[in-house]
Amino acid sequence: MSPPPASSRVRPPTETASLREKVEKELARYEHPLFRFSTEDRRSGVLLAIDLREGLGFEHHYEINLHEREIMNPQFPWTFQKLLYDCLHDFIVEMFERNPQRRE
């Protein structure tokens, strides 16, 4: 009998931890006065969460799943920066209370 496809296999905890550690190592290079970043292990990779820092008078949350193939890519530091900046752009745009594209 053949083994299950790679996508359905559960990774050992040490492999998941190393994925998260790789993301956190890259994330440690970024600091912003408005945003707080955090990570969580996920079956398919690592969840990156972005929240507004406390004390701004309102809350907003954004999250994205980083898949193992993205994290293990040798270009991860560069692709991560683009992904992070794209996420921050989306995060800010989602905060519009009114814009021409929304139907009221």
C-alpha atoms as a PDB file:
ATOM      1  CA  MET A   1       0.000   0.000   0.000  1.00  0.00           C
ATOM      2  CA  SER A   2       1.377   3.431  -0.882  1.00  0.00           C
ATOM      3  CA  PRO A   3       1.771   6.198   1.730  1.00  0.00           C
ATOM      4  CA  PRO A   4      -0.818   8.985   1.840  1.00  0.00           C
ATOM      5  CA  PRO A   5      -0.109  12.098  -0.221  1.00  0.00           C
ATOM      6  CA  ALA A   6       2.191  14.632   1.429  1.00  0.00           C
ATOM      7  CA  SER A   7      -0.643  17.156   1.787  1.00  0.00           C
ATOM      8  CA  SER A   8      -2.630  14.779   4.032  1.00  0.00           C
ATOM      9  CA  ARG A   9       0.269  13.735   6.277  1.00  0.00           C
ATOM     10  CA  VAL A  10       0.522  15.275   9.719  1.00  0.00           C
ATOM     11  CA  ARG A  11       3.958  16.782  10.262  1.00  0.00           C
ATOM     12  CA  PRO A  12       5.847  15.880  13.426  1.00  0.00           C
ATOM     13  CA  PRO A  13       5.775  18.621  16.105  1.00  0.00           C
ATOM     14  CA  THR A  14       9.465  19.405  15.616  1.00  0.00           C
ATOM     15  CA  GLU A  15       8.955  20.095  11.914  1.00  0.00           C
ATOM     16  CA  THR A  16       5.975  22.365  12.669  1.00  0.00           C
ATOM     17  CA  ALA A  17       8.032  24.166  15.312  1.00  0.00           C
ATOM     18  CA  SER A  18      10.866  24.714  12.865  1.00  0.00           C
ATOM     19  CA  LEU A  19       8.438  26.263  10.351  1.00  0.00           C
ATOM     20  CA  ARG A  20       7.087  28.581  13.029  1.00  0.00           C
ATOM     21  CA  GLU A  21      10.598  29.418  14.222  1.00  0.00           C
ATOM     22  CA  LYS A  22      11.605  30.315  10.666  1.00  0.00           C
ATOM     23  CA  VAL A  23       8.597  32.660  10.341  1.00  0.00           C
ATOM     24  CA  GLU A  24       9.225  34.204  13.767  1.00  0.00           C
ATOM     25  CA  LYS A  25      12.900  34.723  12.958  1.00  0.00           C
ATOM     26  CA  GLU A  26      11.936  36.642   9.829  1.00  0.00           C
ATOM     27  CA  LEU A  27       9.127  38.488  11.620  1.00  0.00           C
ATOM     28  CA  ALA A  28      11.561  39.649  14.320  1.00  0.00           C
ATOM     29  CA  ARG A  29      13.181  41.858  11.684  1.00  0.00           C
ATOM     30  CA  TYR A  30      10.005  43.984  11.534  1.00  0.00           C
ATOM     31  CA  GLU A  31       8.611  46.329  14.153  1.00  0.00           C
ATOM     32  CA  HIS A  32       5.865  48.903  13.690  1.00  0.00           C
ATOM     33  CA  PRO A  33       4.316  51.362  16.182  1.00  0.00           C
ATOM     34  CA  LEU A  34       0.736  50.533  15.072  1.00  0.00           C
ATOM     35  CA  PHE A  35       0.823  46.765  14.553  1.00  0.00           C
ATOM     36  CA  ARG A  36       1.384  43.678  16.681  1.00  0.00           C
ATOM     37  CA  PHE A  37       2.397  40.437  14.963  1.00  0.00           C
ATOM     38  CA  SER A  38       1.952  36.888  16.263  1.00  0.00           C
ATOM     39  CA  THR A  39       2.154  33.340  14.933  1.00  0.00           C
ATOM     40  CA  GLU A  40       0.445  30.018  15.609  1.00  0.00           C
ATOM     41  CA  ASP A  41       1.192  26.531  14.391  1.00  0.00           C
ATOM     42  CA  ARG A  42      -1.309  25.229  11.861  1.00  0.00           C
ATOM     43  CA  ARG A  43      -1.569  21.833  10.255  1.00  0.00           C
ATOM     44  CA  SER A  44      -0.776  23.294   6.845  1.00  0.00           C
ATOM     45  CA  GLY A  45       1.972  25.651   8.057  1.00  0.00           C
ATOM     46  CA  VAL A  46       1.927  28.783  10.207  1.00  0.00           C
ATOM     47  CA  LEU A  47      -0.791  31.338  10.879  1.00  0.00           C
ATOM     48  CA  LEU A  48       0.421  34.941  10.854  1.00  0.00           C
ATOM     49  CA  ALA A  49      -1.872  37.302  12.775  1.00  0.00           C
ATOM     50  CA  ILE A  50      -1.739  41.091  12.620  1.00  0.00           C
ATOM     51  CA  ASP A  51      -3.524  43.229  15.204  1.00  0.00           C
ATOM     52  CA  LEU A  52      -3.578  46.900  16.046  1.00  0.00           C
ATOM     53  CA  ARG A  53      -1.660  47.740  19.178  1.00  0.00           C
ATOM     54  CA  GLU A  54      -3.660  48.520  22.291  1.00  0.00           C
ATOM     55  CA  GLY A  55      -4.644  52.088  23.106  1.00  0.00           C
ATOM     56  CA  LEU A  56      -5.750  53.192  19.639  1.00  0.00           C
ATOM     57  CA  GLY A  57      -9.432  53.217  20.572  1.00  0.00           C
ATOM     58  CA  PHE A  58     -10.531  50.360  18.306  1.00  0.00           C
ATOM     59  CA  GLU A  59      -9.506  46.860  17.326  1.00  0.00           C
ATOM     60  CA  HIS A  60      -8.891  45.193  13.993  1.00  0.00           C
ATOM     61  CA  HIS A  61      -7.551  41.724  13.242  1.00  0.00           C
ATOM     62  CA  TYR A  62      -6.060  40.195  10.095  1.00  0.00           C
ATOM     63  CA  GLU A  63      -4.628  36.752   9.537  1.00  0.00           C
ATOM     64  CA  ILE A  64      -3.054  34.713   6.782  1.00  0.00           C
ATOM     65  CA  ASN A  65      -1.873  31.120   6.546  1.00  0.00           C
ATOM     66  CA  LEU A  66       1.690  30.603   5.401  1.00  0.00           C
ATOM     67  CA  HIS A  67       2.054  27.179   3.831  1.00  0.00           C
ATOM     68  CA  GLU A  68       5.058  24.940   4.254  1.00  0.00           C
ATOM     69  CA  ARG A  69       6.109  25.322   0.606  1.00  0.00           C
ATOM     70  CA  GLU A  70       6.214  29.134   1.016  1.00  0.00           C
ATOM     71  CA  ILE A  71       8.223  28.973   4.244  1.00  0.00           C
ATOM     72  CA  MET A  72      10.709  26.418   2.931  1.00  0.00           C
ATOM     73  CA  ASN A  73      11.342  28.349  -0.291  1.00  0.00           C
ATOM     74  CA  PRO A  74      14.949  29.659  -0.410  1.00  0.00           C
ATOM     75  CA  GLN A  75      13.521  33.076  -1.359  1.00  0.00           C
ATOM     76  CA  PHE A  76      11.349  33.197   1.794  1.00  0.00           C
ATOM     77  CA  PRO A  77      12.917  36.370   3.294  1.00  0.00           C
ATOM     78  CA  TRP A  78      12.080  38.330   0.124  1.00  0.00           C
ATOM     79  CA  THR A  79       8.680  36.774  -0.506  1.00  0.00           C
ATOM     80  CA  PHE A  80       7.807  37.222   3.175  1.00  0.00           C
ATOM     81  CA  GLN A  81       8.495  40.960   2.996  1.00  0.00           C
ATOM     82  CA  LYS A  82       6.212  41.374  -0.011  1.00  0.00           C
ATOM     83  CA  LEU A  83       3.532  39.231   1.626  1.00  0.00           C
ATOM     84  CA  LEU A  84       3.751  41.189   4.886  1.00  0.00           C
ATOM     85  CA  TYR A  85       3.509  44.549   3.099  1.00  0.00           C
ATOM     86  CA  ASP A  86       0.585  43.290   0.984  1.00  0.00           C
ATOM     87  CA  CYS A  87      -1.167  42.088   4.152  1.00  0.00           C
ATOM     88  CA  LEU A  88      -0.623  45.443   5.868  1.00  0.00           C
ATOM     89  CA  HIS A  89      -2.073  47.182   2.818  1.00  0.00           C
ATOM     90  CA  ASP A  90      -5.135  44.919   2.936  1.00  0.00           C
ATOM     91  CA  PHE A  91      -5.388  45.404   6.700  1.00  0.00           C
ATOM     92  CA  ILE A  92      -5.576  49.191   6.304  1.00  0.00           C
ATOM     93  CA  VAL A  93      -7.990  49.053   3.364  1.00  0.00           C
ATOM     94  CA  GLU A  94     -10.341  46.748   5.333  1.00  0.00           C
ATOM     95  CA  MET A  95     -10.598  49.461   7.985  1.00  0.00           C
ATOM     96  CA  PHE A  96     -12.379  51.928   5.694  1.00  0.00           C
ATOM     97  CA  GLU A  97     -15.797  52.612   7.156  1.00  0.00           C
ATOM     98  CA  ARG A  98     -17.040  53.885   3.815  1.00  0.00           C
ATOM     99  CA  ASN A  99     -15.697  53.683   0.276  1.00  0.00           C
ATOM    100  CA  PRO A 100     -17.154  53.787  -3.260  1.00  0.00           C
ATOM    101  CA  GLN A 101     -16.926  50.010  -3.714  1.00  0.00           C
ATOM    102  CA  ARG A 102     -19.147  49.159  -0.727  1.00  0.00           C
ATOM    103  CA  ARG A 103     -22.849  48.789  -1.273  1.00  0.00           C
ATOM    104  CA  GLU A 104     -24.921  50.397   1.403  1.00  0.00           C
END
